[in-house]
Protein backbone atom coordinates (compact mmCIF):
# COMPACT_ATOMS: atom_id res chain seq x y z
CA UNK A 1 124.28 101.89 114.73
CA UNK A 2 121.33 101.41 117.06
CA UNK A 3 118.47 103.51 115.13
CA UNK A 4 116.08 100.77 113.99
CA UNK A 5 114.97 103.00 111.08
CA UNK A 6 118.67 103.20 109.98
CA UNK A 7 119.28 99.79 110.65
CA UNK A 8 116.52 98.99 108.51
CA UNK A 9 117.41 101.30 105.63
CA UNK A 10 120.51 100.27 105.86
CA UNK A 11 119.59 97.30 105.20
CA UNK A 12 117.10 97.83 101.99
CA UNK A 13 119.57 100.02 100.50
CA UNK A 14 121.89 96.97 100.33
CA UNK A 15 118.94 94.83 99.42
CA UNK A 16 118.13 97.42 96.57
CA UNK A 17 121.59 97.13 95.18
CA UNK A 18 121.73 93.87 94.52
CA UNK A 19 118.13 93.80 93.29
CA UNK A 20 118.99 96.37 90.37
CA UNK A 21 121.42 94.41 89.61
CA UNK A 22 119.91 91.58 89.01
CA UNK A 23 116.94 93.29 87.05
CA UNK A 24 114.50 91.91 89.66
CA UNK A 25 111.92 95.18 89.03
CA UNK A 26 109.14 94.50 91.54
CA UNK A 27 111.97 93.91 93.98
CA UNK A 28 113.37 97.11 93.05
CA UNK A 29 109.59 98.79 93.36
CA UNK A 30 109.26 97.44 96.26
CA UNK A 31 112.28 98.33 98.26
CA UNK A 32 112.40 101.81 96.71
CA UNK A 33 108.91 102.38 98.19
CA UNK A 34 109.79 100.96 101.63
CA UNK A 35 112.94 103.52 102.22
CA UNK A 36 110.56 106.40 100.83
CA UNK A 37 107.41 105.16 103.08
CA UNK A 38 110.37 105.22 106.10
CA UNK A 39 112.02 109.03 105.08
CA UNK A 40 108.51 110.06 105.36
CA UNK A 41 106.95 108.43 108.34
CA UNK A 42 110.34 110.13 109.84
CA UNK A 43 109.76 113.79 108.72
CA UNK A 44 109.07 116.64 110.76
CA UNK A 45 105.18 117.91 110.49
CA UNK A 46 105.29 121.23 109.42
CA UNK A 47 103.58 123.11 111.66
CA UNK A 48 106.40 121.17 113.85
CA UNK A 49 108.66 122.99 112.05
CA UNK A 50 107.30 126.21 112.80
CA UNK A 51 106.89 125.58 116.15
CA UNK A 52 110.58 125.20 116.92
CA UNK A 53 111.51 128.17 114.80
CA UNK A 54 111.79 127.00 111.44
CA UNK A 55 109.64 128.33 108.56
CA UNK A 56 108.84 125.05 106.79
CA UNK A 57 111.50 125.32 104.43
CA UNK A 58 114.46 125.16 106.06
CA UNK A 59 115.67 121.23 106.87
CA UNK A 60 114.82 119.97 109.99
CA UNK A 61 116.10 116.83 111.79
CA UNK A 62 114.46 113.95 111.02
CA UNK A 63 112.32 112.26 113.53
CA UNK A 64 113.67 108.76 115.31
CA UNK A 65 111.61 105.27 114.53
CA UNK A 66 111.05 103.21 117.49
CA UNK A 67 111.20 99.51 116.39
CA UNK A 68 107.70 99.55 117.24
CA UNK A 69 106.68 102.46 114.88
CA UNK A 70 108.70 100.94 112.47
CA UNK A 71 107.24 97.28 112.52
CA UNK A 72 104.14 98.78 112.36
CA UNK A 73 104.59 100.49 109.36
CA UNK A 74 106.04 97.56 107.42
CA UNK A 75 102.95 96.08 108.37
CA UNK A 76 101.00 98.84 107.01
CA UNK A 77 102.33 98.77 103.94
CA UNK A 78 102.34 94.74 103.48
CA UNK A 79 98.62 95.21 104.14
CA UNK A 80 97.59 98.05 102.05
CA UNK A 81 99.40 96.06 99.07
CA UNK A 82 97.34 92.60 100.02
CA UNK A 83 94.37 95.16 100.26
CA UNK A 84 95.07 96.89 96.77
CA UNK A 85 95.63 93.15 95.85
CA UNK A 86 92.36 92.07 96.56
CA UNK A 87 90.67 94.94 95.20
CA UNK A 88 92.54 94.73 91.53
CA UNK A 89 91.19 90.76 91.86
CA UNK A 90 87.95 92.33 92.01
CA UNK A 91 87.94 94.55 89.15
CA UNK A 92 90.05 91.60 86.72
CA UNK A 93 93.30 93.41 86.54
CA UNK A 94 94.98 90.12 87.99
CA UNK A 95 98.36 91.15 86.55
CA UNK A 96 98.30 94.30 88.69
CA UNK A 97 97.40 92.02 91.49
CA UNK A 98 99.61 89.49 91.38
CA UNK A 99 102.53 92.15 90.98
CA UNK A 100 100.92 93.65 94.33
CA UNK A 101 100.88 90.46 95.94
CA UNK A 102 104.48 90.07 94.61
CA UNK A 103 105.41 93.38 96.36
CA UNK A 104 103.63 92.50 99.62
CA UNK A 105 105.64 89.24 100.00
CA UNK A 106 108.71 91.23 99.36
CA UNK A 107 108.13 93.66 102.44
CA UNK A 108 107.10 90.36 104.67
CA UNK A 109 110.64 89.80 103.81
CA UNK A 110 111.83 93.06 106.23
CA UNK A 111 108.79 92.44 109.19
CA UNK A 112 110.73 91.62 112.60
CA UNK A 113 113.75 91.90 111.07
């Protein structure tokens, strides 16, 4: 298995199982969000499906993400949480800001690895 996204998803699924068993809500949520983000990044755009003879409703093979694309996705996910945490803090939603910072910290564990 040399596909970086497949390897990362396997690692995330293993970590998700552990987080769920340990009842770590923030970690479970962050990992589920990362899995969804990777799945979304691998999805073939509908316009491209139609151009390849698909009708947009049929299953198409997923796009393969390079290691650089996967790392960029992880960095973007961590950055989005940091920005959202700052905004929540500014709005006085300290609990939500802290939760976003915790999730961002979880996401950073997967950057570079």
